Amino acid sequence: MGIIINVLRRLGLRHLLKHDYLKAESYFRKIYDKKPERRENWYYLAMALMGQKRYEEAEKLFLAELREAGEGYFRFRTLGDMYYLWGKGEQAAAYYKKALELCDTPQEQKLFRERIKLCSSEKSFENVKMSHQAFEEGNSLISQGKEEKALEVFQRAVELDHTNFNAWNNIGTLYHINFSDSQKALEAFSQAAEYTSLPSITANMQQVIRSMEKQ
């Protein structure tokens, strides 16, 4: 049984990293059916559900894990992110405040403070919702091969919510790969890095810098 669980977990994580959330869910669901008490799997299954915008199902698992495992930075951060994406500003701000108290990373501290502000009024949070919509539209345009239009939409996304580091990252990627503009790519990646310490963002910045040094 242990070997099967480990194989399913690896497959689930592989698809989660690829943003293939439906496939990831299928593997984590199999673990859940075999070992429903496995708390670690609740988190991964909830992440797969959140990626599919099945927020109510994800919320139940995240909150169950919080009750069972106790309070902690990553649990608060994840809940804040989920409510932020879900369009529930009050709940997002509450968990971001809890995460901020336990955070020691400057980029994330800045992210939480800015997002708490954006959640503080109906008008500013409406812009957040529209930013999410623009981000999804931009991704759809990329899949259709409409990179120039996608760039415009991603730029609208960051105008609506300057903390949308995923949109900044996509802007940087488009400038670097599709439009061969290293300077604008670096600027976009640098903006993303203002709000996250994700290694992938740093790696993208370093790739652009190396490219500029060769020119």
C-alpha atoms as a PDB file:
ATOM      1  CA  MET A   1       0.000   0.000   0.000  1.00  0.00           C
ATOM      2  CA  GLY A   2       2.813   2.423   0.890  1.00  0.00           C
ATOM      3  CA  ILE A   3       4.491   2.003  -2.495  1.00  0.00           C
ATOM      4  CA  ILE A   4       1.219   2.621  -4.324  1.00  0.00           C
ATOM      5  CA  ILE A   5       0.556   5.774  -2.279  1.00  0.00           C
ATOM      6  CA  ASN A   6       4.035   7.126  -3.026  1.00  0.00           C
ATOM      7  CA  VAL A   7       3.649   6.485  -6.759  1.00  0.00           C
ATOM      8  CA  LEU A   8       0.249   8.200  -6.815  1.00  0.00           C
ATOM      9  CA  ARG A   9       1.667  11.133  -4.861  1.00  0.00           C
ATOM     10  CA  ARG A  10       4.578  11.595  -7.269  1.00  0.00           C
ATOM     11  CA  LEU A  11       2.249  11.456 -10.269  1.00  0.00           C
ATOM     12  CA  GLY A  12      -0.125  13.908  -8.639  1.00  0.00           C
ATOM     13  CA  LEU A  13       2.659  16.351  -7.826  1.00  0.00           C
ATOM     14  CA  ARG A  14       4.043  16.079 -11.355  1.00  0.00           C
ATOM     15  CA  HIS A  15       0.713  17.082 -12.862  1.00  0.00           C
ATOM     16  CA  LEU A  16       0.159  19.753 -10.204  1.00  0.00           C
ATOM     17  CA  LEU A  17       3.452  21.400 -11.203  1.00  0.00           C
ATOM     18  CA  LYS A  18       2.366  21.237 -14.849  1.00  0.00           C
ATOM     19  CA  HIS A  19      -0.924  22.938 -13.898  1.00  0.00           C
ATOM     20  CA  ASP A  20      -2.828  19.908 -15.136  1.00  0.00           C
ATOM     21  CA  TYR A  21      -5.182  20.185 -12.197  1.00  0.00           C
ATOM     22  CA  LEU A  22      -7.801  17.698 -13.351  1.00  0.00           C
ATOM     23  CA  LYS A  23      -5.215  14.948 -13.776  1.00  0.00           C
ATOM     24  CA  ALA A  24      -3.558  15.886 -10.489  1.00  0.00           C
ATOM     25  CA  GLU A  25      -6.917  15.629  -8.750  1.00  0.00           C
ATOM     26  CA  SER A  26      -7.421  12.107 -10.101  1.00  0.00           C
ATOM     27  CA  TYR A  27      -4.233  10.871  -8.395  1.00  0.00           C
ATOM     28  CA  PHE A  28      -4.765  12.702  -5.123  1.00  0.00           C
ATOM     29  CA  ARG A  29      -8.376  11.511  -5.093  1.00  0.00           C
ATOM     30  CA  LYS A  30      -7.179   7.903  -5.314  1.00  0.00           C
ATOM     31  CA  ILE A  31      -4.950   8.503  -2.292  1.00  0.00           C
ATOM     32  CA  TYR A  32      -7.876  10.077  -0.458  1.00  0.00           C
ATOM     33  CA  ASP A  33     -10.057   7.050  -1.185  1.00  0.00           C
ATOM     34  CA  LYS A  34      -7.363   4.728   0.177  1.00  0.00           C
ATOM     35  CA  LYS A  35      -6.132   6.906   3.053  1.00  0.00           C
ATOM     36  CA  PRO A  36      -8.723   9.590   3.888  1.00  0.00           C
ATOM     37  CA  GLU A  37      -6.911  10.410   7.149  1.00  0.00           C
ATOM     38  CA  ARG A  38      -3.691  11.459   5.346  1.00  0.00           C
ATOM     39  CA  ARG A  39      -3.564  15.220   6.064  1.00  0.00           C
ATOM     40  CA  GLU A  40      -0.746  15.991   3.644  1.00  0.00           C
ATOM     41  CA  ASN A  41      -2.926  14.727   0.826  1.00  0.00           C
ATOM     42  CA  TRP A  42      -5.795  17.017   1.852  1.00  0.00           C
ATOM     43  CA  TYR A  43      -3.578  19.976   0.983  1.00  0.00           C
ATOM     44  CA  TYR A  44      -2.526  18.655  -2.427  1.00  0.00           C
ATOM     45  CA  LEU A  45      -6.057  17.627  -3.334  1.00  0.00           C
ATOM     46  CA  ALA A  46      -7.299  21.065  -2.296  1.00  0.00           C
ATOM     47  CA  MET A  47      -4.629  22.718  -4.459  1.00  0.00           C
ATOM     48  CA  ALA A  48      -5.803  20.672  -7.456  1.00  0.00           C
ATOM     49  CA  LEU A  49      -9.393  21.690  -6.763  1.00  0.00           C
ATOM     50  CA  MET A  50      -8.437  25.340  -6.339  1.00  0.00           C
ATOM     51  CA  GLY A  51      -6.666  25.229  -9.703  1.00  0.00           C
ATOM     52  CA  GLN A  52     -10.012  24.191 -11.211  1.00  0.00           C
ATOM     53  CA  LYS A  53     -11.766  27.056  -9.382  1.00  0.00           C
ATOM     54  CA  ARG A  54     -13.707  24.564  -7.275  1.00  0.00           C
ATOM     55  CA  TYR A  55     -13.219  26.814  -4.301  1.00  0.00           C
ATOM     56  CA  GLU A  56     -15.931  25.482  -1.985  1.00  0.00           C
ATOM     57  CA  GLU A  57     -14.499  21.953  -2.151  1.00  0.00           C
ATOM     58  CA  ALA A  58     -10.950  23.257  -1.697  1.00  0.00           C
ATOM     59  CA  GLU A  59     -12.001  25.416   1.247  1.00  0.00           C
ATOM     60  CA  LYS A  60     -13.363  22.436   3.182  1.00  0.00           C
ATOM     61  CA  LEU A  61     -10.081  20.551   2.832  1.00  0.00           C
ATOM     62  CA  PHE A  62      -7.859  23.551   3.612  1.00  0.00           C
ATOM     63  CA  LEU A  63      -9.890  24.396   6.730  1.00  0.00           C
ATOM     64  CA  ALA A  64      -9.917  20.760   7.835  1.00  0.00           C
ATOM     65  CA  GLU A  65      -6.131  20.657   7.549  1.00  0.00           C
ATOM     66  CA  LEU A  66      -5.864  23.919   9.493  1.00  0.00           C
ATOM     67  CA  ARG A  67      -7.999  22.490  12.301  1.00  0.00           C
ATOM     68  CA  GLU A  68      -6.091  19.213  12.449  1.00  0.00           C
ATOM     69  CA  ALA A  69      -2.519  20.395  11.850  1.00  0.00           C
ATOM     70  CA  GLY A  70      -2.715  23.764  13.585  1.00  0.00           C
ATOM     71  CA  GLU A  71      -1.933  27.307  12.596  1.00  0.00           C
ATOM     72  CA  GLY A  72       1.048  28.103  10.398  1.00  0.00           C
ATOM     73  CA  TYR A  73       2.391  30.528   7.823  1.00  0.00           C
ATOM     74  CA  PHE A  74       1.821  28.411   4.716  1.00  0.00           C
ATOM     75  CA  ARG A  75      -1.712  27.450   5.748  1.00  0.00           C
ATOM     76  CA  PHE A  76      -2.605  31.100   6.328  1.00  0.00           C
ATOM     77  CA  ARG A  77      -0.920  32.110   3.059  1.00  0.00           C
ATOM     78  CA  THR A  78      -2.724  29.446   1.049  1.00  0.00           C
ATOM     79  CA  LEU A  79      -6.103  30.373   2.477  1.00  0.00           C
ATOM     80  CA  GLY A  80      -5.410  34.045   1.790  1.00  0.00           C
ATOM     81  CA  ASP A  81      -4.521  33.249  -1.809  1.00  0.00           C
ATOM     82  CA  MET A  82      -7.582  31.054  -2.254  1.00  0.00           C
ATOM     83  CA  TYR A  83     -10.011  33.703  -0.989  1.00  0.00           C
ATOM     84  CA  TYR A  84      -8.210  36.358  -3.062  1.00  0.00           C
ATOM     85  CA  LEU A  85      -8.723  34.309  -6.222  1.00  0.00           C
ATOM     86  CA  TRP A  86     -12.249  33.373  -5.173  1.00  0.00           C
ATOM     87  CA  GLY A  87     -13.244  37.023  -4.901  1.00  0.00           C
ATOM     88  CA  LYS A  88     -13.775  37.047  -1.130  1.00  0.00           C
ATOM     89  CA  GLY A  89     -11.802  40.103  -0.080  1.00  0.00           C
ATOM     90  CA  GLU A  90     -12.680  40.177   3.615  1.00  0.00           C
ATOM     91  CA  GLN A  91     -11.605  36.570   4.179  1.00  0.00           C
ATOM     92  CA  ALA A  92      -8.478  37.046   2.054  1.00  0.00           C
ATOM     93  CA  ALA A  93      -7.404  40.066   4.098  1.00  0.00           C
ATOM     94  CA  ALA A  94      -7.990  38.214   7.377  1.00  0.00           C
ATOM     95  CA  TYR A  95      -5.693  35.342   6.433  1.00  0.00           C
ATOM     96  CA  TYR A  96      -3.098  37.600   4.802  1.00  0.00           C
ATOM     97  CA  LYS A  97      -2.893  39.520   8.096  1.00  0.00           C
ATOM     98  CA  LYS A  98      -2.271  36.252   9.953  1.00  0.00           C
ATOM     99  CA  ALA A  99       0.359  35.231   7.382  1.00  0.00           C
ATOM    100  CA  LEU A 100       2.047  38.640   7.608  1.00  0.00           C
ATOM    101  CA  GLU A 101       2.581  38.212  11.344  1.00  0.00           C
ATOM    102  CA  LEU A 102       4.600  35.036  10.675  1.00  0.00           C
ATOM    103  CA  CYS A 103       6.341  36.134   7.461  1.00  0.00           C
ATOM    104  CA  ASP A 104      10.060  36.965   7.327  1.00  0.00           C
ATOM    105  CA  THR A 105      10.453  37.328   3.537  1.00  0.00           C
ATOM    106  CA  PRO A 106      10.455  40.971   2.314  1.00  0.00           C
ATOM    107  CA  GLN A 107       8.729  40.194  -0.997  1.00  0.00           C
ATOM    108  CA  GLU A 108       5.870  38.315   0.638  1.00  0.00           C
ATOM    109  CA  GLN A 109       5.564  40.946   3.361  1.00  0.00           C
ATOM    110  CA  LYS A 110       5.106  43.571   0.662  1.00  0.00           C
ATOM    111  CA  LEU A 111       2.629  41.338  -1.178  1.00  0.00           C
ATOM    112  CA  PHE A 112       0.473  40.826   1.911  1.00  0.00           C
ATOM    113  CA  ARG A 113       0.461  44.512   2.851  1.00  0.00           C
ATOM    114  CA  GLU A 114      -0.504  45.588  -0.668  1.00  0.00           C
ATOM    115  CA  ARG A 115      -3.184  42.930  -1.008  1.00  0.00           C
ATOM    116  CA  ILE A 116      -4.681  43.795   2.372  1.00  0.00           C
ATOM    117  CA  LYS A 117      -5.039  47.356   1.064  1.00  0.00           C
ATOM    118  CA  LEU A 118      -6.632  46.135  -2.161  1.00  0.00           C
ATOM    119  CA  CYS A 119      -9.115  44.092  -0.134  1.00  0.00           C
ATOM    120  CA  SER A 120     -10.065  47.086   2.004  1.00  0.00           C
ATOM    121  CA  SER A 121     -12.588  48.645  -0.380  1.00  0.00           C
ATOM    122  CA  GLU A 122     -15.199  47.303  -2.749  1.00  0.00           C
ATOM    123  CA  LYS A 123     -13.871  49.428  -5.629  1.00  0.00           C
ATOM    124  CA  SER A 124     -10.238  48.336  -5.368  1.00  0.00           C
ATOM    125  CA  PHE A 125     -11.197  44.689  -4.923  1.00  0.00           C
ATOM    126  CA  GLU A 126     -13.419  44.865  -7.989  1.00  0.00           C
ATOM    127  CA  ASN A 127     -10.244  45.740  -9.904  1.00  0.00           C
ATOM    128  CA  VAL A 128      -8.611  42.647  -8.417  1.00  0.00           C
ATOM    129  CA  LYS A 129     -11.417  40.485  -9.770  1.00  0.00           C
ATOM    130  CA  MET A 130     -11.075  42.063 -13.219  1.00  0.00           C
ATOM    131  CA  SER A 131      -7.317  41.452 -13.072  1.00  0.00           C
ATOM    132  CA  HIS A 132      -7.947  37.742 -12.482  1.00  0.00           C
ATOM    133  CA  GLN A 133     -10.290  37.697 -15.472  1.00  0.00           C
ATOM    134  CA  ALA A 134      -7.733  39.463 -17.657  1.00  0.00           C
ATOM    135  CA  PHE A 135      -5.042  36.986 -16.613  1.00  0.00           C
ATOM    136  CA  GLU A 136      -7.235  34.052 -17.627  1.00  0.00           C
ATOM    137  CA  GLU A 137      -8.060  35.767 -20.915  1.00  0.00           C
ATOM    138  CA  GLY A 138      -4.369  36.334 -21.601  1.00  0.00           C
ATOM    139  CA  ASN A 139      -3.587  32.666 -21.024  1.00  0.00           C
ATOM    140  CA  SER A 140      -6.386  31.708 -23.398  1.00  0.00           C
ATOM    141  CA  LEU A 141      -5.001  34.049 -26.059  1.00  0.00           C
ATOM    142  CA  ILE A 142      -1.547  32.496 -25.733  1.00  0.00           C
ATOM    143  CA  SER A 143      -3.042  29.048 -26.317  1.00  0.00           C
ATOM    144  CA  GLN A 144      -4.582  30.450 -29.501  1.00  0.00           C
ATOM    145  CA  GLY A 145      -1.243  31.826 -30.688  1.00  0.00           C
ATOM    146  CA  LYS A 146      -2.322  35.458 -30.229  1.00  0.00           C
ATOM    147  CA  GLU A 147       0.731  36.630 -28.304  1.00  0.00           C
ATOM    148  CA  GLU A 148       0.496  40.325 -29.167  1.00  0.00           C
ATOM    149  CA  LYS A 149      -3.091  40.556 -27.953  1.00  0.00           C
ATOM    150  CA  ALA A 150      -2.193  38.447 -24.900  1.00  0.00           C
ATOM    151  CA  LEU A 151       0.524  40.949 -23.992  1.00  0.00           C
ATOM    152  CA  GLU A 152      -2.004  43.790 -24.045  1.00  0.00           C
ATOM    153  CA  VAL A 153      -4.366  41.825 -21.816  1.00  0.00           C
ATOM    154  CA  PHE A 154      -1.655  40.903 -19.306  1.00  0.00           C
ATOM    155  CA  GLN A 155      -0.635  44.555 -19.149  1.00  0.00           C
ATOM    156  CA  ARG A 156      -4.236  45.429 -18.340  1.00  0.00           C
ATOM    157  CA  ALA A 157      -4.154  42.768 -15.611  1.00  0.00           C
ATOM    158  CA  VAL A 158      -1.205  44.396 -13.829  1.00  0.00           C
ATOM    159  CA  GLU A 159      -2.723  47.850 -14.214  1.00  0.00           C
ATOM    160  CA  LEU A 160      -5.786  46.576 -12.372  1.00  0.00           C
ATOM    161  CA  ASP A 161      -3.755  44.717  -9.727  1.00  0.00           C
ATOM    162  CA  HIS A 162      -0.053  45.548  -9.528  1.00  0.00           C
ATOM    163  CA  THR A 163       0.535  42.561  -7.203  1.00  0.00           C
ATOM    164  CA  ASN A 164      -0.464  40.083  -9.928  1.00  0.00           C
ATOM    165  CA  PHE A 165       3.038  38.640 -10.210  1.00  0.00           C
ATOM    166  CA  ASN A 166       1.878  35.809 -12.450  1.00  0.00           C
ATOM    167  CA  ALA A 167       0.762  38.353 -15.022  1.00  0.00           C
ATOM    168  CA  TRP A 168       4.071  40.238 -14.672  1.00  0.00           C
ATOM    169  CA  ASN A 169       5.881  36.946 -15.210  1.00  0.00           C
ATOM    170  CA  ASN A 170       3.889  36.233 -18.364  1.00  0.00           C
ATOM    171  CA  ILE A 171       4.623  39.725 -19.674  1.00  0.00           C
ATOM    172  CA  GLY A 172       8.313  39.121 -19.126  1.00  0.00           C
ATOM    173  CA  THR A 173       8.150  35.738 -20.842  1.00  0.00           C
ATOM    174  CA  LEU A 174       6.379  37.176 -23.877  1.00  0.00           C
ATOM    175  CA  TYR A 175       8.862  40.038 -24.213  1.00  0.00           C
ATOM    176  CA  HIS A 176      11.793  37.673 -23.862  1.00  0.00           C
ATOM    177  CA  ILE A 177      10.679  34.783 -26.043  1.00  0.00           C
ATOM    178  CA  ASN A 178       8.202  36.229 -28.510  1.00  0.00           C
ATOM    179  CA  PHE A 179       9.254  39.846 -28.948  1.00  0.00           C
ATOM    180  CA  SER A 180      13.017  39.677 -28.259  1.00  0.00           C
ATOM    181  CA  ASP A 181      12.947  42.722 -25.986  1.00  0.00           C
ATOM    182  CA  SER A 182      15.288  41.818 -23.139  1.00  0.00           C
ATOM    183  CA  GLN A 183      15.050  45.179 -21.384  1.00  0.00           C
ATOM    184  CA  LYS A 184      11.261  45.110 -21.123  1.00  0.00           C
ATOM    185  CA  ALA A 185      11.404  41.436 -20.152  1.00  0.00           C
ATOM    186  CA  LEU A 186      13.809  42.206 -17.311  1.00  0.00           C
ATOM    187  CA  GLU A 187      11.622  45.078 -16.133  1.00  0.00           C
ATOM    188  CA  ALA A 188       8.564  42.824 -16.024  1.00  0.00           C
ATOM    189  CA  PHE A 189      10.370  40.025 -14.198  1.00  0.00           C
ATOM    190  CA  SER A 190      11.739  42.578 -11.749  1.00  0.00           C
ATOM    191  CA  GLN A 191       8.199  43.782 -11.054  1.00  0.00           C
ATOM    192  CA  ALA A 192       7.139  40.186 -10.410  1.00  0.00           C
ATOM    193  CA  ALA A 193      10.076  39.751  -8.033  1.00  0.00           C
ATOM    194  CA  GLU A 194       8.809  42.696  -5.970  1.00  0.00           C
ATOM    195  CA  TYR A 195       5.966  40.493  -4.750  1.00  0.00           C
ATOM    196  CA  THR A 196       7.293  36.944  -4.686  1.00  0.00           C
ATOM    197  CA  SER A 197      10.456  35.027  -3.890  1.00  0.00           C
ATOM    198  CA  LEU A 198       9.547  32.155  -6.219  1.00  0.00           C
ATOM    199  CA  PRO A 199      12.768  30.627  -7.620  1.00  0.00           C
ATOM    200  CA  SER A 200      11.214  30.457 -11.092  1.00  0.00           C
ATOM    201  CA  ILE A 201      10.988  34.259 -11.227  1.00  0.00           C
ATOM    202  CA  THR A 202      14.624  34.639 -10.207  1.00  0.00           C
ATOM    203  CA  ALA A 203      15.605  32.037 -12.801  1.00  0.00           C
ATOM    204  CA  ASN A 204      13.740  33.967 -15.497  1.00  0.00           C
ATOM    205  CA  MET A 205      15.540  37.174 -14.525  1.00  0.00           C
ATOM    206  CA  GLN A 206      18.925  35.466 -14.629  1.00  0.00           C
ATOM    207  CA  GLN A 207      18.169  33.996 -18.041  1.00  0.00           C
ATOM    208  CA  VAL A 208      17.380  37.434 -19.446  1.00  0.00           C
ATOM    209  CA  ILE A 209      20.492  38.944 -17.866  1.00  0.00           C
ATOM    210  CA  ARG A 210      22.666  36.230 -19.423  1.00  0.00           C
ATOM    211  CA  SER A 211      20.996  36.898 -22.760  1.00  0.00           C
ATOM    212  CA  MET A 212      21.723  40.629 -22.485  1.00  0.00           C
ATOM    213  CA  GLU A 213      25.360  39.979 -21.618  1.00  0.00           C
ATOM    214  CA  LYS A 214      25.769  38.018 -24.841  1.00  0.00           C
ATOM    215  CA  GLN A 215      24.410  40.820 -26.996  1.00  0.00           C
END
